[in-house]
PDB file of N, CA and C in Angstrom:
ATOM      1  N   MET A   1       0.846  -1.168   0.000  1.00  0.00           N
ATOM      2  CA  MET A   1       0.000   0.000   0.000  1.00  0.00           C
ATOM      3  C   MET A   1       0.900   1.242   0.000  1.00  0.00           C
ATOM      4  N   GLU A   2       0.600   2.174  -0.831  1.00  0.00           N
ATOM      5  CA  GLU A   2       1.370   3.414  -0.942  1.00  0.00           C
ATOM      6  C   GLU A   2       0.989   4.393   0.184  1.00  0.00           C
ATOM      7  N   TYR A   3       1.872   5.303   0.463  1.00  0.00           N
ATOM      8  CA  TYR A   3       1.671   6.316   1.499  1.00  0.00           C
ATOM      9  C   TYR A   3       0.352   7.061   1.277  1.00  0.00           C
ATOM     10  N   ILE A   4       0.120   7.502   0.063  1.00  0.00           N
ATOM     11  CA  ILE A   4      -1.101   8.278  -0.232  1.00  0.00           C
ATOM     12  C   ILE A   4      -2.356   7.433  -0.027  1.00  0.00           C
ATOM     13  N   ASP A   5      -2.257   6.140  -0.302  1.00  0.00           N
ATOM     14  CA  ASP A   5      -3.403   5.248  -0.076  1.00  0.00           C
ATOM     15  C   ASP A   5      -3.717   5.127   1.416  1.00  0.00           C
ATOM     16  N   ILE A   6      -2.670   5.072   2.218  1.00  0.00           N
ATOM     17  CA  ILE A   6      -2.862   4.993   3.664  1.00  0.00           C
ATOM     18  C   ILE A   6      -3.484   6.280   4.192  1.00  0.00           C
ATOM     19  N   VAL A   7      -3.006   7.423   3.696  1.00  0.00           N
ATOM     20  CA  VAL A   7      -3.567   8.711   4.105  1.00  0.00           C
ATOM     21  C   VAL A   7      -5.035   8.794   3.705  1.00  0.00           C
ATOM     22  N   ARG A   8      -5.372   8.386   2.516  1.00  0.00           N
ATOM     23  CA  ARG A   8      -6.784   8.393   2.068  1.00  0.00           C
ATOM     24  C   ARG A   8      -7.647   7.509   2.957  1.00  0.00           C
ATOM     25  N   LYS A   9      -7.142   6.324   3.291  1.00  0.00           N
ATOM     26  CA  LYS A   9      -7.876   5.399   4.154  1.00  0.00           C
ATOM     27  C   LYS A   9      -8.103   6.031   5.531  1.00  0.00           C
ATOM     28  N   LEU A  10      -7.048   6.636   6.076  1.00  0.00           N
ATOM     29  CA  LEU A  10      -7.173   7.289   7.383  1.00  0.00           C
ATOM     30  C   LEU A  10      -8.192   8.425   7.341  1.00  0.00           C
ATOM     31  N   LEU A  11      -8.147   9.239   6.288  1.00  0.00           N
ATOM     32  CA  LEU A  11      -9.101  10.345   6.167  1.00  0.00           C
ATOM     33  C   LEU A  11     -10.530   9.838   5.986  1.00  0.00           C
ATOM     34  N   THR A  12     -10.696   8.758   5.252  1.00  0.00           N
ATOM     35  CA  THR A  12     -12.028   8.159   5.083  1.00  0.00           C
ATOM     36  C   THR A  12     -12.570   7.698   6.431  1.00  0.00           C
ATOM     37  N   LEU A  13     -11.732   7.029   7.201  1.00  0.00           N
ATOM     38  CA  LEU A  13     -12.158   6.592   8.530  1.00  0.00           C
ATOM     39  C   LEU A  13     -12.438   7.778   9.442  1.00  0.00           C
ATOM     40  N   TRP A  14     -11.569   8.789   9.404  1.00  0.00           N
ATOM     41  CA  TRP A  14     -11.748   9.973  10.244  1.00  0.00           C
ATOM     42  C   TRP A  14     -13.077  10.657   9.950  1.00  0.00           C
ATOM     43  N   ASN A  15     -13.472  10.678   8.677  1.00  0.00           N
ATOM     44  CA  ASN A  15     -14.730  11.322   8.294  1.00  0.00           C
ATOM     45  C   ASN A  15     -15.949  10.578   8.807  1.00  0.00           C
ATOM     46  N   THR A  16     -15.804   9.311   9.185  1.00  0.00           N
ATOM     47  CA  THR A  16     -16.963   8.521   9.619  1.00  0.00           C
ATOM     48  C   THR A  16     -17.112   8.435  11.139  1.00  0.00           C
ATOM     49  N   VAL A  17     -16.068   8.747  11.880  1.00  0.00           N
ATOM     50  CA  VAL A  17     -16.169   8.628  13.344  1.00  0.00           C
ATOM     51  C   VAL A  17     -16.812   9.877  13.938  1.00  0.00           C
ATOM     52  N   PRO A  18     -17.556   9.713  15.043  1.00  0.00           N
ATOM     53  CA  PRO A  18     -18.149  10.885  15.688  1.00  0.00           C
ATOM     54  C   PRO A  18     -17.068  11.786  16.270  1.00  0.00           C
ATOM     55  N   LYS A  19     -17.348  13.059  16.318  1.00  0.00           N
ATOM     56  CA  LYS A  19     -16.386  14.046  16.822  1.00  0.00           C
ATOM     57  C   LYS A  19     -16.969  14.729  18.060  1.00  0.00           C
ATOM     58  N   HIS A  20     -16.121  14.997  19.041  1.00  0.00           N
ATOM     59  CA  HIS A  20     -16.578  15.653  20.264  1.00  0.00           C
ATOM     60  C   HIS A  20     -17.173  17.023  19.975  1.00  0.00           C
ATOM     61  N   TYR A  21     -16.543  17.769  19.112  1.00  0.00           N
ATOM     62  CA  TYR A  21     -16.986  19.134  18.852  1.00  0.00           C
ATOM     63  C   TYR A  21     -18.299  19.205  18.077  1.00  0.00           C
ATOM     64  N   GLU A  22     -18.762  18.088  17.529  1.00  0.00           N
ATOM     65  CA  GLU A  22     -20.042  18.068  16.812  1.00  0.00           C
ATOM     66  C   GLU A  22     -21.220  17.837  17.754  1.00  0.00           C
ATOM     67  N   GLY A  23     -20.912  17.429  18.982  1.00  0.00           N
ATOM     68  CA  GLY A  23     -21.981  17.168  19.946  1.00  0.00           C
ATOM     69  C   GLY A  23     -22.641  15.815  19.749  1.00  0.00           C
ATOM     70  N   SER A  24     -22.035  14.936  18.967  1.00  0.00           N
ATOM     71  CA  SER A  24     -22.646  13.635  18.696  1.00  0.00           C
ATOM     72  C   SER A  24     -22.152  12.537  19.633  1.00  0.00           C
ATOM     73  N   ILE A  25     -21.288  12.873  20.580  1.00  0.00           N
ATOM     74  CA  ILE A  25     -20.780  11.883  21.530  1.00  0.00           C
ATOM     75  C   ILE A  25     -21.388  12.186  22.895  1.00  0.00           C
ATOM     76  N   MET A  26     -22.107  11.197  23.437  1.00  0.00           N
ATOM     77  CA  MET A  26     -22.700  11.346  24.766  1.00  0.00           C
ATOM     78  C   MET A  26     -22.338  10.116  25.589  1.00  0.00           C
ATOM     79  N   GLY A  27     -21.944  10.317  26.813  1.00  0.00           N
ATOM     80  CA  GLY A  27     -21.682   9.212  27.715  1.00  0.00           C
ATOM     81  C   GLY A  27     -20.394   8.462  27.432  1.00  0.00           C
ATOM     82  N   SER A  28     -19.495   9.054  26.699  1.00  0.00           N
ATOM     83  CA  SER A  28     -18.225   8.402  26.414  1.00  0.00           C
ATOM     84  C   SER A  28     -17.220   8.722  27.506  1.00  0.00           C
ATOM     85  N   MET A  29     -16.259   7.821  27.715  1.00  0.00           N
ATOM     86  CA  MET A  29     -15.220   8.099  28.708  1.00  0.00           C
ATOM     87  C   MET A  29     -14.126   8.976  28.141  1.00  0.00           C
ATOM     88  N   THR A  30     -14.263   9.397  26.898  1.00  0.00           N
ATOM     89  CA  THR A  30     -13.268  10.263  26.282  1.00  0.00           C
ATOM     90  C   THR A  30     -13.784  11.692  26.200  1.00  0.00           C
ATOM     91  N   THR A  31     -12.877  12.610  26.140  1.00  0.00           N
ATOM     92  CA  THR A  31     -13.203  14.011  25.899  1.00  0.00           C
ATOM     93  C   THR A  31     -12.203  14.536  24.882  1.00  0.00           C
ATOM     94  N   TYR A  32     -12.497  15.667  24.326  1.00  0.00           N
ATOM     95  CA  TYR A  32     -11.554  16.260  23.393  1.00  0.00           C
ATOM     96  C   TYR A  32     -10.345  16.730  24.190  1.00  0.00           C
ATOM     97  N   PRO A  33      -9.141  16.374  23.749  1.00  0.00           N
ATOM     98  CA  PRO A  33      -7.943  16.746  24.512  1.00  0.00           C
ATOM     99  C   PRO A  33      -7.748  18.260  24.589  1.00  0.00           C
ATOM    100  N   HIS A  34      -7.223  18.697  25.706  1.00  0.00           N
ATOM    101  CA  HIS A  34      -6.889  20.104  25.904  1.00  0.00           C
ATOM    102  C   HIS A  34      -5.800  20.484  24.896  1.00  0.00           C
ATOM    103  N   SER A  35      -5.825  21.707  24.409  1.00  0.00           N
ATOM    104  CA  SER A  35      -4.859  22.134  23.394  1.00  0.00           C
ATOM    105  C   SER A  35      -3.414  22.024  23.889  1.00  0.00           C
ATOM    106  N   LEU A  36      -3.181  22.290  25.166  1.00  0.00           N
ATOM    107  CA  LEU A  36      -1.834  22.159  25.711  1.00  0.00           C
ATOM    108  C   LEU A  36      -1.396  20.688  25.734  1.00  0.00           C
ATOM    109  N   ALA A  37      -2.332  19.779  26.001  1.00  0.00           N
ATOM    110  CA  ALA A  37      -2.014  18.344  25.985  1.00  0.00           C
ATOM    111  C   ALA A  37      -1.640  17.898  24.571  1.00  0.00           C
ATOM    112  N   ILE A  38      -2.340  18.403  23.574  1.00  0.00           N
ATOM    113  CA  ILE A  38      -2.026  18.067  22.181  1.00  0.00           C
ATOM    114  C   ILE A  38      -0.640  18.588  21.823  1.00  0.00           C
ATOM    115  N   TYR A  39      -0.335  19.808  22.238  1.00  0.00           N
ATOM    116  CA  TYR A  39       0.969  20.404  21.964  1.00  0.00           C
ATOM    117  C   TYR A  39       2.087  19.573  22.602  1.00  0.00           C
ATOM    118  N   ALA A  40       1.913  19.231  23.880  1.00  0.00           N
ATOM    119  CA  ALA A  40       2.926  18.435  24.588  1.00  0.00           C
ATOM    120  C   ALA A  40       3.083  17.063  23.941  1.00  0.00           C
ATOM    121  N   TYR A  41       1.984  16.452  23.581  1.00  0.00           N
ATOM    122  CA  TYR A  41       2.024  15.137  22.923  1.00  0.00           C
ATOM    123  C   TYR A  41       2.832  15.210  21.630  1.00  0.00           C
ATOM    124  N   ASN A  42       2.551  16.208  20.834  1.00  0.00           N
ATOM    125  CA  ASN A  42       3.280  16.357  19.564  1.00  0.00           C
ATOM    126  C   ASN A  42       4.764  16.643  19.774  1.00  0.00           C
ATOM    127  N   LEU A  43       5.099  17.381  20.826  1.00  0.00           N
ATOM    128  CA  LEU A  43       6.513  17.659  21.115  1.00  0.00           C
ATOM    129  C   LEU A  43       7.275  16.386  21.489  1.00  0.00           C
ATOM    130  N   PHE A  44       6.636  15.522  22.257  1.00  0.00           N
ATOM    131  CA  PHE A  44       7.338  14.385  22.840  1.00  0.00           C
ATOM    132  C   PHE A  44       6.912  13.034  22.285  1.00  0.00           C
ATOM    133  N   ILE A  45       6.227  13.009  21.151  1.00  0.00           N
ATOM    134  CA  ILE A  45       5.723  11.763  20.593  1.00  0.00           C
ATOM    135  C   ILE A  45       6.840  10.765  20.280  1.00  0.00           C
ATOM    136  N   HIS A  46       8.026  11.250  20.018  1.00  0.00           N
ATOM    137  CA  HIS A  46       9.145  10.381  19.647  1.00  0.00           C
ATOM    138  C   HIS A  46       9.902   9.829  20.854  1.00  0.00           C
ATOM    139  N   THR A  47       9.513  10.213  22.064  1.00  0.00           N
ATOM    140  CA  THR A  47      10.249   9.792  23.248  1.00  0.00           C
ATOM    141  C   THR A  47       9.644   8.532  23.857  1.00  0.00           C
ATOM    142  N   ASN A  48      10.388   7.935  24.782  1.00  0.00           N
ATOM    143  CA  ASN A  48       9.939   6.706  25.429  1.00  0.00           C
ATOM    144  C   ASN A  48      10.292   6.791  26.906  1.00  0.00           C
ATOM    145  N   LEU A  49       9.285   6.962  27.750  1.00  0.00           N
ATOM    146  CA  LEU A  49       9.506   7.085  29.186  1.00  0.00           C
ATOM    147  C   LEU A  49      10.056   5.799  29.787  1.00  0.00           C
ATOM    148  N   ALA A  50       9.884   4.679  29.080  1.00  0.00           N
ATOM    149  CA  ALA A  50      10.434   3.411  29.564  1.00  0.00           C
ATOM    150  C   ALA A  50      11.948   3.338  29.361  1.00  0.00           C
ATOM    151  N   ASP A  51      12.533   4.345  28.731  1.00  0.00           N
ATOM    152  CA  ASP A  51      13.978   4.404  28.523  1.00  0.00           C
ATOM    153  C   ASP A  51      14.528   5.676  29.169  1.00  0.00           C
ATOM    154  N   PRO A  52      14.617   5.699  30.518  1.00  0.00           N
ATOM    155  CA  PRO A  52      15.039   6.920  31.211  1.00  0.00           C
ATOM    156  C   PRO A  52      16.514   7.260  31.023  1.00  0.00           C
ATOM    157  N   VAL A  53      17.289   6.349  30.457  1.00  0.00           N
ATOM    158  CA  VAL A  53      18.696   6.648  30.198  1.00  0.00           C
ATOM    159  C   VAL A  53      18.806   7.563  28.981  1.00  0.00           C
ATOM    160  N   THR A  54      18.144   7.182  27.912  1.00  0.00           N
ATOM    161  CA  THR A  54      18.173   7.988  26.693  1.00  0.00           C
ATOM    162  C   THR A  54      17.343   9.259  26.854  1.00  0.00           C
ATOM    163  N   PHE A  55      16.193   9.139  27.490  1.00  0.00           N
ATOM    164  CA  PHE A  55      15.265  10.268  27.618  1.00  0.00           C
ATOM    165  C   PHE A  55      15.165  10.714  29.081  1.00  0.00           C
ATOM    166  N   LYS A  56      16.311  11.050  29.672  1.00  0.00           N
ATOM    167  CA  LYS A  56      16.340  11.410  31.097  1.00  0.00           C
ATOM    168  C   LYS A  56      15.508  12.659  31.394  1.00  0.00           C
ATOM    169  N   GLU A  57      15.422  13.580  30.437  1.00  0.00           N
ATOM    170  CA  GLU A  57      14.621  14.793  30.659  1.00  0.00           C
ATOM    171  C   GLU A  57      13.150  14.441  30.853  1.00  0.00           C
ATOM    172  N   ILE A  58      12.688  13.422  30.155  1.00  0.00           N
ATOM    173  CA  ILE A  58      11.293  13.003  30.288  1.00  0.00           C
ATOM    174  C   ILE A  58      11.085  12.359  31.660  1.00  0.00           C
ATOM    175  N   ALA A  59      12.074  11.612  32.122  1.00  0.00           N
ATOM    176  CA  ALA A  59      11.989  11.028  33.467  1.00  0.00           C
ATOM    177  C   ALA A  59      11.922  12.145  34.519  1.00  0.00           C
ATOM    178  N   TYR A  60      12.693  13.220  34.335  1.00  0.00           N
ATOM    179  CA  TYR A  60      12.633  14.359  35.250  1.00  0.00           C
ATOM    180  C   TYR A  60      11.253  15.017  35.201  1.00  0.00           C
ATOM    181  N   LEU A  61      10.695  15.136  33.998  1.00  0.00           N
ATOM    182  CA  LEU A  61       9.362  15.709  33.844  1.00  0.00           C
ATOM    183  C   LEU A  61       8.325  14.859  34.578  1.00  0.00           C
ATOM    184  N   GLU A  62       8.426  13.534  34.430  1.00  0.00           N
ATOM    185  CA  GLU A  62       7.503  12.643  35.141  1.00  0.00           C
ATOM    186  C   GLU A  62       7.611  12.861  36.648  1.00  0.00           C
ATOM    187  N   GLU A  63       8.835  12.956  37.142  1.00  0.00           N
ATOM    188  CA  GLU A  63       9.048  13.170  38.571  1.00  0.00           C
ATOM    189  C   GLU A  63       8.426  14.490  39.026  1.00  0.00           C
ATOM    190  N   ASP A  64       8.596  15.549  38.245  1.00  0.00           N
ATOM    191  CA  ASP A  64       7.999  16.845  38.581  1.00  0.00           C
ATOM    192  C   ASP A  64       6.478  16.763  38.643  1.00  0.00           C
ATOM    193  N   VAL A  65       5.888  16.092  37.674  1.00  0.00           N
ATOM    194  CA  VAL A  65       4.422  15.957  37.641  1.00  0.00           C
ATOM    195  C   VAL A  65       3.938  15.181  38.862  1.00  0.00           C
ATOM    196  N   ILE A  66       4.638  14.101  39.199  1.00  0.00           N
ATOM    197  CA  ILE A  66       4.242  13.285  40.357  1.00  0.00           C
ATOM    198  C   ILE A  66       4.349  14.093  41.650  1.00  0.00           C
ATOM    199  N   VAL A  67       5.409  14.869  41.786  1.00  0.00           N
ATOM    200  CA  VAL A  67       5.571  15.709  42.980  1.00  0.00           C
ATOM    201  C   VAL A  67       4.443  16.739  43.045  1.00  0.00           C
ATOM    202  N   ASP A  68       4.141  17.392  41.924  1.00  0.00           N
ATOM    203  CA  ASP A  68       3.066  18.389  41.904  1.00  0.00           C
ATOM    204  C   ASP A  68       1.712  17.765  42.236  1.00  0.00           C
ATOM    205  N   LEU A  69       1.427  16.605  41.659  1.00  0.00           N
ATOM    206  CA  LEU A  69       0.155  15.936  41.947  1.00  0.00           C
ATOM    207  C   LEU A  69       0.076  15.490  43.398  1.00  0.00           C
ATOM    208  N   SER A  70       1.179  15.014  43.937  1.00  0.00           N
ATOM    209  CA  SER A  70       1.157  14.553  45.326  1.00  0.00           C
ATOM    210  C   SER A  70       0.940  15.716  46.297  1.00  0.00           C
ATOM    211  N   LYS A  71       1.364  16.919  45.915  1.00  0.00           N
ATOM    212  CA  LYS A  71       1.086  18.091  46.746  1.00  0.00           C
ATOM    213  C   LYS A  71      -0.416  18.366  46.792  1.00  0.00           C
ATOM    214  N   LEU A  72      -1.097  18.162  45.668  1.00  0.00           N
ATOM    215  CA  LEU A  72      -2.552  18.366  45.632  1.00  0.00           C
ATOM    216  C   LEU A  72      -3.269  17.430  46.588  1.00  0.00           C
ATOM    217  N   TYR A  73      -2.713  16.216  46.754  1.00  0.00           N
ATOM    218  CA  TYR A  73      -3.334  15.207  47.607  1.00  0.00           C
ATOM    219  C   TYR A  73      -2.644  15.086  48.964  1.00  0.00           C
ATOM    220  N   SER A  74      -1.759  16.012  49.278  1.00  0.00           N
ATOM    221  CA  SER A  74      -1.041  16.050  50.552  1.00  0.00           C
ATOM    222  C   SER A  74      -0.318  14.738  50.849  1.00  0.00           C
ATOM    223  N   ALA A  75       0.282  14.145  49.826  1.00  0.00           N
ATOM    224  CA  ALA A  75       1.026  12.903  50.005  1.00  0.00           C
ATOM    225  C   ALA A  75       2.323  13.185  50.747  1.00  0.00           C
ATOM    226  N   LEU A  76       2.641  12.342  51.701  1.00  0.00           N
ATOM    227  CA  LEU A  76       3.864  12.528  52.481  1.00  0.00           C
ATOM    228  C   LEU A  76       5.095  12.048  51.718  1.00  0.00           C
ATOM    229  N   GLU A  77       4.942  10.969  50.953  1.00  0.00           N
ATOM    230  CA  GLU A  77       6.056  10.414  50.183  1.00  0.00           C
ATOM    231  C   GLU A  77       5.615  10.249  48.730  1.00  0.00           C
ATOM    232  N   PRO A  78       5.881  11.241  47.893  1.00  0.00           N
ATOM    233  CA  PRO A  78       5.438  11.159  46.493  1.00  0.00           C
ATOM    234  C   PRO A  78       6.046   9.972  45.767  1.00  0.00           C
ATOM    235  N   ALA A  79       5.204   9.247  45.061  1.00  0.00           N
ATOM    236  CA  ALA A  79       5.657   8.128  44.239  1.00  0.00           C
ATOM    237  C   ALA A  79       4.583   7.858  43.199  1.00  0.00           C
ATOM    238  N   GLY A  80       4.993   7.370  42.061  1.00  0.00           N
ATOM    239  CA  GLY A  80       4.009   7.041  41.046  1.00  0.00           C
ATOM    240  C   GLY A  80       4.608   6.919  39.664  1.00  0.00           C
ATOM    241  N   PHE A  81       3.740   6.669  38.707  1.00  0.00           N
ATOM    242  CA  PHE A  81       4.109   6.542  37.309  1.00  0.00           C
ATOM    243  C   PHE A  81       3.099   7.293  36.465  1.00  0.00           C
ATOM    244  N   ILE A  82       3.533   7.781  35.332  1.00  0.00           N
ATOM    245  CA  ILE A  82       2.617   8.318  34.339  1.00  0.00           C
ATOM    246  C   ILE A  82       2.474   7.242  33.271  1.00  0.00           C
ATOM    247  N   THR A  83       1.258   6.855  32.990  1.00  0.00           N
ATOM    248  CA  THR A  83       1.027   5.790  32.020  1.00  0.00           C
ATOM    249  C   THR A  83       0.225   6.314  30.839  1.00  0.00           C
ATOM    250  N   SER A  84       0.168   5.505  29.811  1.00  0.00           N
ATOM    251  CA  SER A  84      -0.495   5.934  28.584  1.00  0.00           C
ATOM    252  C   SER A  84      -1.979   5.588  28.563  1.00  0.00           C
ATOM    253  N   GLY A  85      -2.452   4.824  29.513  1.00  0.00           N
ATOM    254  CA  GLY A  85      -3.859   4.473  29.484  1.00  0.00           C
ATOM    255  C   GLY A  85      -4.304   3.707  30.713  1.00  0.00           C
ATOM    256  N   GLY A  86      -5.600   3.444  30.756  1.00  0.00           N
ATOM    257  CA  GLY A  86      -6.202   2.788  31.907  1.00  0.00           C
ATOM    258  C   GLY A  86      -5.699   1.385  32.149  1.00  0.00           C
ATOM    259  N   THR A  87      -5.500   0.606  31.105  1.00  0.00           N
ATOM    260  CA  THR A  87      -5.059  -0.770  31.287  1.00  0.00           C
ATOM    261  C   THR A  87      -3.695  -0.819  31.954  1.00  0.00           C
ATOM    262  N   GLU A  88      -2.755  -0.053  31.442  1.00  0.00           N
ATOM    263  CA  GLU A  88      -1.420  -0.021  32.036  1.00  0.00           C
ATOM    264  C   GLU A  88      -1.487   0.492  33.470  1.00  0.00           C
ATOM    265  N   SER A  89      -2.282   1.506  33.720  1.00  0.00           N
ATOM    266  CA  SER A  89      -2.419   2.044  35.071  1.00  0.00           C
ATOM    267  C   SER A  89      -2.973   0.991  36.021  1.00  0.00           C
ATOM    268  N   ASN A  90      -3.989   0.262  35.586  1.00  0.00           N
ATOM    269  CA  ASN A  90      -4.587  -0.765  36.437  1.00  0.00           C
ATOM    270  C   ASN A  90      -3.618  -1.900  36.713  1.00  0.00           C
ATOM    271  N   ILE A  91      -2.865  -2.315  35.707  1.00  0.00           N
ATOM    272  CA  ILE A  91      -1.888  -3.391  35.903  1.00  0.00           C
ATOM    273  C   ILE A  91      -0.824  -2.965  36.919  1.00  0.00           C
ATOM    274  N   ILE A  92      -0.318  -1.751  36.783  1.00  0.00           N
ATOM    275  CA  ILE A  92       0.694  -1.260  37.721  1.00  0.00           C
ATOM    276  C   ILE A  92       0.108  -1.156  39.127  1.00  0.00           C
ATOM    277  N   ALA A  93      -1.129  -0.680  39.237  1.00  0.00           N
ATOM    278  CA  ALA A  93      -1.764  -0.562  40.555  1.00  0.00           C
ATOM    279  C   ALA A  93      -1.950  -1.937  41.198  1.00  0.00           C
ATOM    280  N   LEU A  94      -2.377  -2.914  40.418  1.00  0.00           N
ATOM    281  CA  LEU A  94      -2.555  -4.264  40.956  1.00  0.00           C
ATOM    282  C   LEU A  94      -1.213  -4.866  41.378  1.00  0.00           C
ATOM    283  N   TYR A  95      -0.200  -4.688  40.558  1.00  0.00           N
ATOM    284  CA  TYR A  95       1.130  -5.203  40.886  1.00  0.00           C
ATOM    285  C   TYR A  95       1.666  -4.549  42.163  1.00  0.00           C
ATOM    286  N   THR A  96       1.532  -3.224  42.228  1.00  0.00           N
ATOM    287  CA  THR A  96       2.028  -2.499  43.407  1.00  0.00           C
ATOM    288  C   THR A  96       1.256  -2.921  44.655  1.00  0.00           C
ATOM    289  N   GLY A  97      -0.056  -2.998  44.523  1.00  0.00           N
ATOM    290  CA  GLY A  97      -0.872  -3.411  45.665  1.00  0.00           C
ATOM    291  C   GLY A  97      -0.537  -4.813  46.132  1.00  0.00           C
ATOM    292  N   SER A  98      -0.350  -5.726  45.193  1.00  0.00           N
ATOM    293  CA  SER A  98      -0.021  -7.096  45.593  1.00  0.00           C
ATOM    294  C   SER A  98       1.371  -7.156  46.207  1.00  0.00           C
ATOM    295  N   SER A  99       2.294  -6.356  45.714  1.00  0.00           N
ATOM    296  CA  SER A  99       3.644  -6.324  46.298  1.00  0.00           C
ATOM    297  C   SER A  99       3.605  -5.774  47.716  1.00  0.00           C
ATOM    298  N   LEU A 100       2.835  -4.719  47.928  1.00  0.00           N
ATOM    299  CA  LEU A 100       2.726  -4.144  49.268  1.00  0.00           C
ATOM    300  C   LEU A 100       2.025  -5.111  50.209  1.00  0.00           C
ATOM    301  N   TYR A 101       0.995  -5.770  49.718  1.00  0.00           N
ATOM    302  CA  TYR A 101       0.271  -6.730  50.541  1.00  0.00           C
ATOM    303  C   TYR A 101       1.201  -7.865  50.959  1.00  0.00           C
ATOM    304  N   MET A 102       1.987  -8.372  50.020  1.00  0.00           N
ATOM    305  CA  MET A 102       2.918  -9.449  50.338  1.00  0.00           C
ATOM    306  C   MET A 102       3.937  -8.978  51.360  1.00  0.00           C
ATOM    307  N   PHE A 103       4.397  -7.754  51.229  1.00  0.00           N
ATOM    308  CA  PHE A 103       5.364  -7.205  52.183  1.00  0.00           C
ATOM    309  C   PHE A 103       4.738  -7.128  53.568  1.00  0.00           C
ATOM    310  N   VAL A 104       3.538  -6.603  53.645  1.00  0.00           N
ATOM    311  CA  VAL A 104       2.858  -6.482  54.930  1.00  0.00           C
ATOM    312  C   VAL A 104       2.583  -7.863  55.500  1.00  0.00           C
ATOM    313  N   PHE A 105       2.133  -8.773  54.657  1.00  0.00           N
ATOM    314  CA  PHE A 105       1.831 -10.131  55.086  1.00  0.00           C
ATOM    315  C   PHE A 105       3.072 -10.803  55.668  1.00  0.00           C
ATOM    316  N   VAL A 106       4.180 -10.718  54.963  1.00  0.00           N
ATOM    317  CA  VAL A 106       5.421 -11.318  55.424  1.00  0.00           C
ATOM    318  C   VAL A 106       5.904 -10.596  56.676  1.00  0.00           C
ATOM    319  N   TYR A 107       5.818  -9.295  56.667  1.00  0.00           N
ATOM    320  CA  TYR A 107       6.276  -8.493  57.808  1.00  0.00           C
ATOM    321  C   TYR A 107       5.479  -8.835  59.078  1.00  0.00           C
ATOM    322  N   ASP A 108       4.179  -9.010  58.941  1.00  0.00           N
ATOM    323  CA  ASP A 108       3.341  -9.279  60.104  1.00  0.00           C
ATOM    324  C   ASP A 108       3.585 -10.649  60.726  1.00  0.00           C
ATOM    325  N   PHE A 109       4.034 -11.598  59.925  1.00  0.00           N
ATOM    326  CA  PHE A 109       4.159 -12.963  60.425  1.00  0.00           C
ATOM    327  C   PHE A 109       5.596 -13.427  60.648  1.00  0.00           C
ATOM    328  N   THR A 110       6.550 -12.519  60.652  1.00  0.00           N
ATOM    329  CA  THR A 110       7.934 -12.928  60.901  1.00  0.00           C
ATOM    330  C   THR A 110       8.438 -12.355  62.199  1.00  0.00           C
TER     331      THR A 110
END
């Protein structure tokens, strides 16, 4: 498939999906992204937060965001991850919770 064919296919699909700004989406878990979020996404689309050695500035940015968010919630020890979606967030939360539970479980019985 040629580049132009792929672009045509994408535009055809884009023309058929509902758009937030048209008012045709109700009850969806999505919203139209904030313009600043779109700008940031486009700036950093080529980066990979899973590679903090190559993209250390992005790791610093993640740390800053986590510290700022933890201040909003009065967290005593800021910690966390920025993820790309709900599934990844839920998996990390389950893993962290099970790790903490195992630690507490072992700690309580030794």
